[in-house]
Structures are given as structure tokens and as C-alpha cells.
PDB file of N, CA and C in Angstrom:
ATOM      1  N   MET A   1      18.317 -17.351   3.671  1.00  0.00           N
ATOM      2  CA  MET A   1      18.255 -18.536   3.694  1.00  0.00           C
ATOM      3  C   MET A   1      19.525 -18.905   3.811  1.00  0.00           C
ATOM      4  N   ASN A   2      19.896 -20.100   4.677  1.00  0.00           N
ATOM      5  CA  ASN A   2      21.055 -21.059   4.735  1.00  0.00           C
ATOM      6  C   ASN A   2      20.073 -22.556   3.876  1.00  0.00           C
ATOM      7  N   VAL A   3      20.910 -22.804   2.672  1.00  0.00           N
ATOM      8  CA  VAL A   3      21.018 -24.084   1.801  1.00  0.00           C
ATOM      9  C   VAL A   3      22.033 -25.041   1.892  1.00  0.00           C
ATOM     10  N   THR A   4      21.726 -26.159   2.338  1.00  0.00           N
ATOM     11  CA  THR A   4      22.817 -27.455   2.344  1.00  0.00           C
ATOM     12  C   THR A   4      22.408 -28.464   1.346  1.00  0.00           C
ATOM     13  N   LEU A   5      23.144 -28.584   0.759  1.00  0.00           N
ATOM     14  CA  LEU A   5      22.028 -29.938  -0.444  1.00  0.00           C
ATOM     15  C   LEU A   5      23.265 -30.599  -0.621  1.00  0.00           C
ATOM     16  N   THR A   6      23.061 -32.471  -0.851  1.00  0.00           N
ATOM     17  CA  THR A   6      24.277 -33.270  -1.434  1.00  0.00           C
ATOM     18  C   THR A   6      24.014 -33.067  -2.431  1.00  0.00           C
ATOM     19  N   SER A   7      24.934 -33.864  -3.393  1.00  0.00           N
ATOM     20  CA  SER A   7      25.630 -33.341  -4.522  1.00  0.00           C
ATOM     21  C   SER A   7      24.919 -33.978  -5.578  1.00  0.00           C
ATOM     22  N   GLU A   8      23.955 -35.305  -4.505  1.00  0.00           N
ATOM     23  CA  GLU A   8      23.297 -35.782  -5.771  1.00  0.00           C
ATOM     24  C   GLU A   8      22.073 -35.651  -6.020  1.00  0.00           C
ATOM     25  N   ALA A   9      21.374 -34.978  -4.973  1.00  0.00           N
ATOM     26  CA  ALA A   9      20.373 -33.610  -4.876  1.00  0.00           C
ATOM     27  C   ALA A   9      20.785 -31.959  -5.967  1.00  0.00           C
ATOM     28  N   ALA A  10      21.914 -31.963  -5.828  1.00  0.00           N
ATOM     29  CA  ALA A  10      22.212 -30.093  -6.468  1.00  0.00           C
ATOM     30  C   ALA A  10      22.359 -31.087  -8.508  1.00  0.00           C
ATOM     31  N   SER A  11      22.512 -32.229  -8.261  1.00  0.00           N
ATOM     32  CA  SER A  11      22.640 -32.649  -9.823  1.00  0.00           C
ATOM     33  C   SER A  11      21.127 -32.474 -10.217  1.00  0.00           C
ATOM     34  N   LYS A  12      20.373 -33.377  -9.608  1.00  0.00           N
ATOM     35  CA  LYS A  12      19.074 -33.668 -10.141  1.00  0.00           C
ATOM     36  C   LYS A  12      18.429 -31.696 -10.256  1.00  0.00           C
ATOM     37  N   LEU A  13      18.707 -31.060  -9.825  1.00  0.00           N
ATOM     38  CA  LEU A  13      17.889 -29.696  -9.347  1.00  0.00           C
ATOM     39  C   LEU A  13      18.478 -29.128 -10.716  1.00  0.00           C
ATOM     40  N   ARG A  14      19.630 -29.384 -10.951  1.00  0.00           N
ATOM     41  CA  ARG A  14      20.136 -28.475 -12.055  1.00  0.00           C
ATOM     42  C   ARG A  14      19.930 -29.378 -13.323  1.00  0.00           C
ATOM     43  N   ALA A  15      19.604 -31.135 -13.619  1.00  0.00           N
ATOM     44  CA  ALA A  15      18.799 -31.602 -14.740  1.00  0.00           C
ATOM     45  C   ALA A  15      17.143 -30.883 -14.700  1.00  0.00           C
ATOM     46  N   LEU A  16      16.706 -30.497 -13.804  1.00  0.00           N
ATOM     47  CA  LEU A  16      15.183 -29.864 -13.736  1.00  0.00           C
ATOM     48  C   LEU A  16      15.028 -28.384 -14.354  1.00  0.00           C
ATOM     49  N   LEU A  17      16.346 -27.850 -13.819  1.00  0.00           N
ATOM     50  CA  LEU A  17      15.771 -26.532 -14.584  1.00  0.00           C
ATOM     51  C   LEU A  17      16.333 -26.140 -15.410  1.00  0.00           C
ATOM     52  N   LYS A  18      17.563 -27.133 -16.191  1.00  0.00           N
ATOM     53  CA  LYS A  18      17.756 -27.054 -17.870  1.00  0.00           C
ATOM     54  C   LYS A  18      16.565 -27.003 -18.305  1.00  0.00           C
ATOM     55  N   GLU A  19      15.419 -27.719 -17.945  1.00  0.00           N
ATOM     56  CA  GLU A  19      14.572 -27.765 -18.455  1.00  0.00           C
ATOM     57  C   GLU A  19      13.273 -26.576 -19.045  1.00  0.00           C
ATOM     58  N   GLU A  20      13.982 -25.946 -17.776  1.00  0.00           N
ATOM     59  CA  GLU A  20      13.087 -24.220 -17.838  1.00  0.00           C
ATOM     60  C   GLU A  20      13.918 -23.356 -17.869  1.00  0.00           C
ATOM     61  N   ASN A  21      13.039 -22.266 -18.201  1.00  0.00           N
ATOM     62  CA  ASN A  21      13.859 -20.693 -19.506  1.00  0.00           C
ATOM     63  C   ASN A  21      14.851 -19.977 -17.845  1.00  0.00           C
ATOM     64  N   GLU A  22      15.410 -19.814 -18.419  1.00  0.00           N
ATOM     65  CA  GLU A  22      16.780 -18.924 -17.628  1.00  0.00           C
ATOM     66  C   GLU A  22      16.267 -18.614 -16.052  1.00  0.00           C
ATOM     67  N   ASP A  23      15.133 -17.786 -16.173  1.00  0.00           N
ATOM     68  CA  ASP A  23      14.755 -16.990 -14.995  1.00  0.00           C
ATOM     69  C   ASP A  23      14.562 -18.134 -14.190  1.00  0.00           C
ATOM     70  N   ALA A  24      14.054 -19.921 -14.096  1.00  0.00           N
ATOM     71  CA  ALA A  24      13.258 -20.321 -12.826  1.00  0.00           C
ATOM     72  C   ALA A  24      14.592 -20.560 -12.007  1.00  0.00           C
ATOM     73  N   VAL A  25      13.578 -20.366 -10.912  1.00  0.00           N
ATOM     74  CA  VAL A  25      14.147 -21.152  -9.500  1.00  0.00           C
ATOM     75  C   VAL A  25      13.602 -21.687  -9.067  1.00  0.00           C
ATOM     76  N   VAL A  26      13.917 -22.505  -7.852  1.00  0.00           N
ATOM     77  CA  VAL A  26      14.009 -23.669  -6.580  1.00  0.00           C
ATOM     78  C   VAL A  26      13.232 -23.348  -5.956  1.00  0.00           C
ATOM     79  N   ARG A  27      11.942 -23.303  -5.948  1.00  0.00           N
ATOM     80  CA  ARG A  27      10.947 -22.530  -4.534  1.00  0.00           C
ATOM     81  C   ARG A  27      10.880 -23.965  -3.404  1.00  0.00           C
ATOM     82  N   VAL A  28      11.367 -23.359  -1.993  1.00  0.00           N
ATOM     83  CA  VAL A  28      10.960 -23.663  -0.926  1.00  0.00           C
ATOM     84  C   VAL A  28       9.642 -23.742  -0.755  1.00  0.00           C
ATOM     85  N   ARG A  29       8.142 -24.392  -0.652  1.00  0.00           N
ATOM     86  CA  ARG A  29       6.772 -24.076  -0.322  1.00  0.00           C
ATOM     87  C   ARG A  29       6.305 -24.879   0.389  1.00  0.00           C
ATOM     88  N   GLU A  30       5.549 -25.161   0.982  1.00  0.00           N
ATOM     89  CA  GLU A  30       4.569 -25.577   2.237  1.00  0.00           C
ATOM     90  C   GLU A  30       3.248 -25.902   0.858  1.00  0.00           C
ATOM     91  N   THR A  31       3.469 -27.145   1.062  1.00  0.00           N
ATOM     92  CA  THR A  31       1.868 -27.955   0.691  1.00  0.00           C
ATOM     93  C   THR A  31       0.910 -28.763   1.966  1.00  0.00           C
ATOM     94  N   LYS A  32      -0.313 -28.598   1.199  1.00  0.00           N
ATOM     95  CA  LYS A  32      -0.884 -29.411   2.351  1.00  0.00           C
ATOM     96  C   LYS A  32      -0.955 -31.272   1.773  1.00  0.00           C
ATOM     97  N   ILE A  33      -1.027 -32.083   2.676  1.00  0.00           N
ATOM     98  CA  ILE A  33      -1.153 -33.583   1.671  1.00  0.00           C
ATOM     99  C   ILE A  33      -1.965 -34.557   2.677  1.00  0.00           C
ATOM    100  N   GLY A  34      -2.657 -34.937   2.003  1.00  0.00           N
ATOM    101  CA  GLY A  34      -4.309 -35.503   2.785  1.00  0.00           C
ATOM    102  C   GLY A  34      -5.587 -35.048   2.839  1.00  0.00           C
ATOM    103  N   ILE A  35      -6.282 -35.613   3.968  1.00  0.00           N
ATOM    104  CA  ILE A  35      -8.053 -34.695   3.172  1.00  0.00           C
ATOM    105  C   ILE A  35      -8.148 -35.078   4.657  1.00  0.00           C
ATOM    106  N   ALA A  36      -9.220 -33.927   4.955  1.00  0.00           N
ATOM    107  CA  ALA A  36      -9.705 -33.496   6.579  1.00  0.00           C
ATOM    108  C   ALA A  36      -8.931 -33.549   7.908  1.00  0.00           C
ATOM    109  N   CYS A  37      -9.614 -34.649   8.246  1.00  0.00           N
ATOM    110  CA  CYS A  37      -8.200 -34.470  10.042  1.00  0.00           C
ATOM    111  C   CYS A  37      -7.094 -35.221   9.535  1.00  0.00           C
ATOM    112  N   LYS A  38      -6.840 -36.180   8.168  1.00  0.00           N
ATOM    113  CA  LYS A  38      -5.295 -36.654   7.807  1.00  0.00           C
ATOM    114  C   LYS A  38      -4.569 -35.741   7.745  1.00  0.00           C
ATOM    115  N   SER A  39      -4.738 -34.568   7.116  1.00  0.00           N
ATOM    116  CA  SER A  39      -3.740 -33.597   6.391  1.00  0.00           C
ATOM    117  C   SER A  39      -2.869 -33.162   7.116  1.00  0.00           C
ATOM    118  N   LYS A  40      -1.558 -33.031   6.386  1.00  0.00           N
ATOM    119  CA  LYS A  40      -1.086 -32.253   7.397  1.00  0.00           C
ATOM    120  C   LYS A  40       0.008 -31.492   6.655  1.00  0.00           C
ATOM    121  N   LEU A  41       0.781 -30.040   6.439  1.00  0.00           N
ATOM    122  CA  LEU A  41       1.484 -29.325   6.117  1.00  0.00           C
ATOM    123  C   LEU A  41       2.950 -30.013   5.684  1.00  0.00           C
ATOM    124  N   VAL A  42       3.195 -29.683   4.461  1.00  0.00           N
ATOM    125  CA  VAL A  42       5.080 -30.250   4.861  1.00  0.00           C
ATOM    126  C   VAL A  42       5.662 -29.380   3.353  1.00  0.00           C
ATOM    127  N   LEU A  43       6.721 -29.362   3.660  1.00  0.00           N
ATOM    128  CA  LEU A  43       7.677 -28.172   3.214  1.00  0.00           C
ATOM    129  C   LEU A  43       7.632 -29.688   1.523  1.00  0.00           C
ATOM    130  N   VAL A  44       7.649 -28.856   0.367  1.00  0.00           N
ATOM    131  CA  VAL A  44       8.140 -29.553  -0.670  1.00  0.00           C
ATOM    132  C   VAL A  44       9.343 -28.668  -1.263  1.00  0.00           C
ATOM    133  N   LEU A  45       9.676 -29.086  -2.849  1.00  0.00           N
ATOM    134  CA  LEU A  45      10.561 -27.657  -3.677  1.00  0.00           C
ATOM    135  C   LEU A  45       9.340 -27.774  -5.151  1.00  0.00           C
ATOM    136  N   SER A  46       9.774 -26.854  -5.869  1.00  0.00           N
ATOM    137  CA  SER A  46       9.390 -26.777  -7.364  1.00  0.00           C
ATOM    138  C   SER A  46      10.037 -26.372  -8.195  1.00  0.00           C
ATOM    139  N   ILE A  47       9.482 -26.171  -9.529  1.00  0.00           N
ATOM    140  CA  ILE A  47      10.772 -24.909 -10.065  1.00  0.00           C
ATOM    141  C   ILE A  47       9.848 -23.790 -10.308  1.00  0.00           C
ATOM    142  N   ASP A  48      10.300 -22.642 -10.067  1.00  0.00           N
ATOM    143  CA  ASP A  48       9.036 -21.958 -10.228  1.00  0.00           C
ATOM    144  C   ASP A  48       9.928 -20.666 -10.977  1.00  0.00           C
ATOM    145  N   GLU A  49       8.991 -19.494 -10.422  1.00  0.00           N
ATOM    146  CA  GLU A  49       9.784 -17.722 -10.763  1.00  0.00           C
ATOM    147  C   GLU A  49       9.888 -17.248  -9.835  1.00  0.00           C
ATOM    148  N   ARG A  50      10.545 -15.919  -9.171  1.00  0.00           N
ATOM    149  CA  ARG A  50      10.852 -15.027  -8.483  1.00  0.00           C
ATOM    150  C   ARG A  50       9.958 -14.618  -8.088  1.00  0.00           C
ATOM    151  N   ALA A  51       9.396 -13.898  -6.829  1.00  0.00           N
ATOM    152  CA  ALA A  51       8.572 -13.337  -6.286  1.00  0.00           C
ATOM    153  C   ALA A  51       9.142 -11.869  -5.539  1.00  0.00           C
ATOM    154  N   ASP A  52       8.522 -10.576  -5.350  1.00  0.00           N
ATOM    155  CA  ASP A  52       8.442  -9.857  -4.989  1.00  0.00           C
ATOM    156  C   ASP A  52       9.076  -9.841  -2.725  1.00  0.00           C
ATOM    157  N   ASP A  53       8.174 -11.031  -2.683  1.00  0.00           N
ATOM    158  CA  ASP A  53       7.973 -11.177  -1.318  1.00  0.00           C
ATOM    159  C   ASP A  53       9.030 -12.441  -0.891  1.00  0.00           C
ATOM    160  N   ASP A  54      10.127 -12.621  -2.257  1.00  0.00           N
ATOM    161  CA  ASP A  54      11.029 -13.977  -2.353  1.00  0.00           C
ATOM    162  C   ASP A  54      12.269 -13.159  -1.066  1.00  0.00           C
ATOM    163  N   VAL A  55      13.158 -14.621  -0.229  1.00  0.00           N
ATOM    164  CA  VAL A  55      13.907 -14.466  -0.090  1.00  0.00           C
ATOM    165  C   VAL A  55      14.951 -15.174  -0.542  1.00  0.00           C
ATOM    166  N   GLU A  56      16.109 -14.733  -1.537  1.00  0.00           N
ATOM    167  CA  GLU A  56      17.041 -16.072  -2.081  1.00  0.00           C
ATOM    168  C   GLU A  56      17.630 -15.927  -1.744  1.00  0.00           C
ATOM    169  N   THR A  57      18.959 -16.724  -2.349  1.00  0.00           N
ATOM    170  CA  THR A  57      20.365 -17.391  -2.044  1.00  0.00           C
ATOM    171  C   THR A  57      20.822 -17.996  -3.586  1.00  0.00           C
ATOM    172  N   GLU A  58      22.024 -18.179  -3.841  1.00  0.00           N
ATOM    173  CA  GLU A  58      22.129 -19.619  -4.369  1.00  0.00           C
ATOM    174  C   GLU A  58      23.416 -20.249  -3.792  1.00  0.00           C
ATOM    175  N   VAL A  59      23.358 -21.584  -4.233  1.00  0.00           N
ATOM    176  CA  VAL A  59      24.385 -22.390  -3.774  1.00  0.00           C
ATOM    177  C   VAL A  59      24.668 -23.240  -4.861  1.00  0.00           C
ATOM    178  N   ASP A  60      25.993 -23.531  -4.944  1.00  0.00           N
ATOM    179  CA  ASP A  60      26.401 -24.553  -5.932  1.00  0.00           C
ATOM    180  C   ASP A  60      25.743 -23.848  -7.409  1.00  0.00           C
ATOM    181  N   SER A  61      25.643 -22.554  -7.552  1.00  0.00           N
ATOM    182  CA  SER A  61      25.537 -21.883  -8.808  1.00  0.00           C
ATOM    183  C   SER A  61      23.972 -22.396  -9.235  1.00  0.00           C
ATOM    184  N   LEU A  62      22.884 -22.759  -8.273  1.00  0.00           N
ATOM    185  CA  LEU A  62      21.444 -23.130  -8.098  1.00  0.00           C
ATOM    186  C   LEU A  62      20.697 -21.937  -7.223  1.00  0.00           C
ATOM    187  N   PRO A  63      19.448 -21.465  -7.745  1.00  0.00           N
ATOM    188  CA  PRO A  63      18.895 -20.424  -7.101  1.00  0.00           C
ATOM    189  C   PRO A  63      17.798 -21.055  -6.585  1.00  0.00           C
ATOM    190  N   PHE A  64      17.955 -20.598  -5.101  1.00  0.00           N
ATOM    191  CA  PHE A  64      16.940 -20.867  -4.141  1.00  0.00           C
ATOM    192  C   PHE A  64      15.937 -19.539  -3.655  1.00  0.00           C
ATOM    193  N   VAL A  65      14.466 -19.702  -3.618  1.00  0.00           N
ATOM    194  CA  VAL A  65      13.952 -18.948  -2.908  1.00  0.00           C
ATOM    195  C   VAL A  65      12.896 -18.955  -2.118  1.00  0.00           C
ATOM    196  N   ILE A  66      12.385 -18.503  -0.996  1.00  0.00           N
ATOM    197  CA  ILE A  66      10.859 -19.324  -0.234  1.00  0.00           C
ATOM    198  C   ILE A  66      10.501 -17.723   0.434  1.00  0.00           C
ATOM    199  N   ASN A  67       9.223 -17.436   0.366  1.00  0.00           N
ATOM    200  CA  ASN A  67       8.688 -16.354   0.822  1.00  0.00           C
ATOM    201  C   ASN A  67       8.931 -16.273   1.925  1.00  0.00           C
ATOM    202  N   ARG A  68       8.738 -14.550   2.390  1.00  0.00           N
ATOM    203  CA  ARG A  68       9.070 -14.735   3.621  1.00  0.00           C
ATOM    204  C   ARG A  68       8.439 -15.119   4.987  1.00  0.00           C
ATOM    205  N   ASP A  69       7.299 -15.260   4.763  1.00  0.00           N
ATOM    206  CA  ASP A  69       6.473 -16.044   5.914  1.00  0.00           C
ATOM    207  C   ASP A  69       6.608 -17.113   6.416  1.00  0.00           C
ATOM    208  N   LEU A  70       7.609 -17.756   5.569  1.00  0.00           N
ATOM    209  CA  LEU A  70       7.906 -19.390   5.445  1.00  0.00           C
ATOM    210  C   LEU A  70       9.141 -19.207   6.274  1.00  0.00           C
ATOM    211  N   VAL A  71      10.153 -18.529   6.402  1.00  0.00           N
ATOM    212  CA  VAL A  71      11.143 -17.956   6.902  1.00  0.00           C
ATOM    213  C   VAL A  71      10.708 -18.028   8.648  1.00  0.00           C
ATOM    214  N   ASP A  72       9.549 -17.308   7.736  1.00  0.00           N
ATOM    215  CA  ASP A  72       8.762 -16.852   9.366  1.00  0.00           C
ATOM    216  C   ASP A  72       8.374 -17.742  10.320  1.00  0.00           C
ATOM    217  N   GLN A  73       8.108 -18.625   9.808  1.00  0.00           N
ATOM    218  CA  GLN A  73       7.522 -19.785  10.285  1.00  0.00           C
ATOM    219  C   GLN A  73       8.378 -21.232  10.318  1.00  0.00           C
ATOM    220  N   TYR A  74       8.988 -21.382   9.421  1.00  0.00           N
ATOM    221  CA  TYR A  74       9.823 -22.370   9.119  1.00  0.00           C
ATOM    222  C   TYR A  74      11.360 -22.086   9.549  1.00  0.00           C
ATOM    223  N   GLY A  75      12.193 -21.042   9.774  1.00  0.00           N
ATOM    224  CA  GLY A  75      13.013 -20.691  10.233  1.00  0.00           C
ATOM    225  C   GLY A  75      14.054 -20.536   8.981  1.00  0.00           C
ATOM    226  N   ASN A  76      15.729 -20.024   9.110  1.00  0.00           N
ATOM    227  CA  ASN A  76      16.171 -19.408   7.435  1.00  0.00           C
ATOM    228  C   ASN A  76      17.052 -21.335   7.113  1.00  0.00           C
ATOM    229  N   ASP A  77      16.829 -22.294   8.013  1.00  0.00           N
ATOM    230  CA  ASP A  77      18.111 -23.289   7.417  1.00  0.00           C
ATOM    231  C   ASP A  77      17.552 -24.440   7.422  1.00  0.00           C
ATOM    232  N   PHE A  78      17.877 -25.028   5.721  1.00  0.00           N
ATOM    233  CA  PHE A  78      17.186 -25.693   4.914  1.00  0.00           C
ATOM    234  C   PHE A  78      17.972 -26.936   4.869  1.00  0.00           C
ATOM    235  N   ALA A  79      17.910 -28.503   4.211  1.00  0.00           N
ATOM    236  CA  ALA A  79      18.550 -29.163   4.121  1.00  0.00           C
ATOM    237  C   ALA A  79      17.964 -29.627   2.852  1.00  0.00           C
ATOM    238  N   ILE A  80      19.019 -30.259   2.168  1.00  0.00           N
ATOM    239  CA  ILE A  80      17.709 -30.715   0.436  1.00  0.00           C
ATOM    240  C   ILE A  80      18.763 -31.546   0.182  1.00  0.00           C
ATOM    241  N   SER A  81      18.339 -33.318   0.350  1.00  0.00           N
ATOM    242  CA  SER A  81      18.406 -34.792  -0.012  1.00  0.00           C
ATOM    243  C   SER A  81      17.585 -35.332  -0.780  1.00  0.00           C
ATOM    244  N   LEU A  82      17.317 -36.816  -1.634  1.00  0.00           N
ATOM    245  CA  LEU A  82      17.113 -37.165  -1.773  1.00  0.00           C
ATOM    246  C   LEU A  82      16.300 -37.711  -1.030  1.00  0.00           C
ATOM    247  N   ASP A  83      15.053 -38.083  -2.295  1.00  0.00           N
ATOM    248  CA  ASP A  83      14.121 -39.146  -1.663  1.00  0.00           C
ATOM    249  C   ASP A  83      14.920 -40.417  -1.905  1.00  0.00           C
ATOM    250  N   GLU A  84      13.714 -41.531  -1.360  1.00  0.00           N
ATOM    251  CA  GLU A  84      13.822 -42.746  -1.445  1.00  0.00           C
ATOM    252  C   GLU A  84      13.888 -43.379  -3.132  1.00  0.00           C
ATOM    253  N   HIS A  85      12.579 -42.252  -3.984  1.00  0.00           N
ATOM    254  CA  HIS A  85      12.093 -42.423  -5.340  1.00  0.00           C
ATOM    255  C   HIS A  85      13.681 -41.443  -6.358  1.00  0.00           C
ATOM    256  N   GLN A  86      14.157 -41.402  -5.551  1.00  0.00           N
ATOM    257  CA  GLN A  86      15.653 -40.031  -5.729  1.00  0.00           C
ATOM    258  C   GLN A  86      14.974 -38.839  -6.874  1.00  0.00           C
ATOM    259  N   MET A  87      14.285 -38.436  -6.295  1.00  0.00           N
ATOM    260  CA  MET A  87      13.704 -37.083  -6.263  1.00  0.00           C
ATOM    261  C   MET A  87      13.871 -36.006  -4.564  1.00  0.00           C
ATOM    262  N   PRO A  88      14.227 -35.195  -5.352  1.00  0.00           N
ATOM    263  CA  PRO A  88      14.823 -33.967  -4.370  1.00  0.00           C
ATOM    264  C   PRO A  88      13.659 -33.597  -2.829  1.00  0.00           C
ATOM    265  N   LYS A  89      13.798 -33.404  -2.011  1.00  0.00           N
ATOM    266  CA  LYS A  89      13.174 -33.278  -0.363  1.00  0.00           C
ATOM    267  C   LYS A  89      13.988 -32.502   0.482  1.00  0.00           C
ATOM    268  N   VAL A  90      12.993 -31.316   0.841  1.00  0.00           N
ATOM    269  CA  VAL A  90      13.539 -30.703   1.822  1.00  0.00           C
ATOM    270  C   VAL A  90      13.148 -30.826   3.193  1.00  0.00           C
ATOM    271  N   ALA A  91      13.802 -30.495   4.152  1.00  0.00           N
ATOM    272  CA  ALA A  91      13.602 -30.165   5.267  1.00  0.00           C
ATOM    273  C   ALA A  91      14.195 -28.859   5.816  1.00  0.00           C
ATOM    274  N   ALA A  92      13.024 -28.452   7.533  1.00  0.00           N
ATOM    275  CA  ALA A  92      13.663 -27.591   7.866  1.00  0.00           C
ATOM    276  C   ALA A  92      15.020 -27.516   9.186  1.00  0.00           C
ATOM    277  N   LEU A  93      16.049 -26.848   9.115  1.00  0.00           N
ATOM    278  CA  LEU A  93      16.674 -27.428  10.184  1.00  0.00           C
ATOM    279  C   LEU A  93      16.492 -26.797  11.649  1.00  0.00           C
ATOM    280  N   SER A  94      16.061 -25.190  11.654  1.00  0.00           N
ATOM    281  CA  SER A  94      15.602 -24.885  12.723  1.00  0.00           C
ATOM    282  C   SER A  94      14.328 -24.321  12.691  1.00  0.00           C
ATOM    283  N   CYS A  95      13.680 -25.193  12.867  1.00  0.00           N
ATOM    284  CA  CYS A  95      11.917 -25.349  12.389  1.00  0.00           C
ATOM    285  C   CYS A  95      11.314 -24.558  14.026  1.00  0.00           C
ATOM    286  N   ALA A  96      10.239 -23.226  13.700  1.00  0.00           N
ATOM    287  CA  ALA A  96       9.886 -23.022  14.790  1.00  0.00           C
ATOM    288  C   ALA A  96       8.877 -23.149  14.667  1.00  0.00           C
ATOM    289  N   CYS A  97       8.003 -24.469  13.784  1.00  0.00           N
ATOM    290  CA  CYS A  97       6.489 -24.416  13.672  1.00  0.00           C
ATOM    291  C   CYS A  97       5.812 -26.274  14.575  1.00  0.00           C
ATOM    292  N   SER A  98       4.864 -26.184  14.357  1.00  0.00           N
ATOM    293  CA  SER A  98       4.587 -27.809  15.357  1.00  0.00           C
ATOM    294  C   SER A  98       4.863 -28.680  14.239  1.00  0.00           C
ATOM    295  N   ALA A  99       4.561 -28.333  12.939  1.00  0.00           N
ATOM    296  CA  ALA A  99       4.281 -29.921  11.933  1.00  0.00           C
ATOM    297  C   ALA A  99       5.676 -30.445  12.173  1.00  0.00           C
ATOM    298  N   SER A 100       5.807 -31.470  12.598  1.00  0.00           N
ATOM    299  CA  SER A 100       6.839 -31.859  12.859  1.00  0.00           C
ATOM    300  C   SER A 100       7.419 -32.819  11.263  1.00  0.00           C
ATOM    301  N   SER A 101       6.369 -33.199  10.599  1.00  0.00           N
ATOM    302  CA  SER A 101       6.643 -33.306   9.153  1.00  0.00           C
ATOM    303  C   SER A 101       7.675 -32.882   8.491  1.00  0.00           C
ATOM    304  N   CYS A 102       7.872 -31.366   9.006  1.00  0.00           N
ATOM    305  CA  CYS A 102       8.983 -30.554   8.256  1.00  0.00           C
ATOM    306  C   CYS A 102      10.256 -30.455   8.333  1.00  0.00           C
ATOM    307  N   CYS A 103       9.964 -30.840   9.351  1.00  0.00           N
ATOM    308  CA  CYS A 103      11.625 -29.890  10.363  1.00  0.00           C
ATOM    309  C   CYS A 103      12.311 -31.611   9.959  1.00  0.00           C
ATOM    310  N   ALA A 104      13.860 -31.577  10.076  1.00  0.00           N
ATOM    311  CA  ALA A 104      14.744 -32.524  10.229  1.00  0.00           C
ATOM    312  C   ALA A 104      14.460 -33.134  11.201  1.00  0.00           C
ATOM    313  N   SER A 105      14.732 -34.273  11.320  1.00  0.00           N
ATOM    314  CA  SER A 105      15.065 -34.986  12.748  1.00  0.00           C
ATOM    315  C   SER A 105      16.142 -35.554  13.424  1.00  0.00           C
TER     316      SER A 105
END
């Protein structure tokens, strides 16, 4: 897994991880937003624990994980920056999925 992130996103993630236990990692995960025919799948970040079927990398002393199935679906390259609310957001750079909401434009 290849992760690029802005210095602002790295600072925010460090602050979030500092509040957790020492084994915590930043997980790239998929979630559904919306309801019924108006729903879509998007990639998000969360603080979590490692799992056996994870792919892991470390960038700027920050541990990142993603489930192997999601690597197959979204590719191996991700970009992390801050959104308009100054919260970390993630985009797949080599997205193999049909959900354009997950992919960098």
C-alpha cells in the first residue's frame, strides 16, 4: 500500500492517534452513505486495531492499514489530505472500482 499525505493531514492524524492506545492504526475503510437508491460507497479513515487480513504500511511514523479485499477493489495507491472541515479524507489514486466517489478526480 502506498500512501501520500499532506503535512496538515499527518499532524491531524498524529493528534488523533495520540488519544488512543499505542497499538492503534489509521484504517482506510469503505462505508455506505445515504439511503436506498441515493446511497453510495466511499472510502473513509478511522482509528482502529490491526487485523490478520490487513495490508500495512508506515508513512511519516504513522501506521496505515487496509483490508486486502479493499486493495483488490480500490488499488494500492491512496492520497490523504484535509477536507473543508479540516478532517482527514482519503482518495484512491488507482481505483479499479466503479464508485467514482472513492477515486481521485
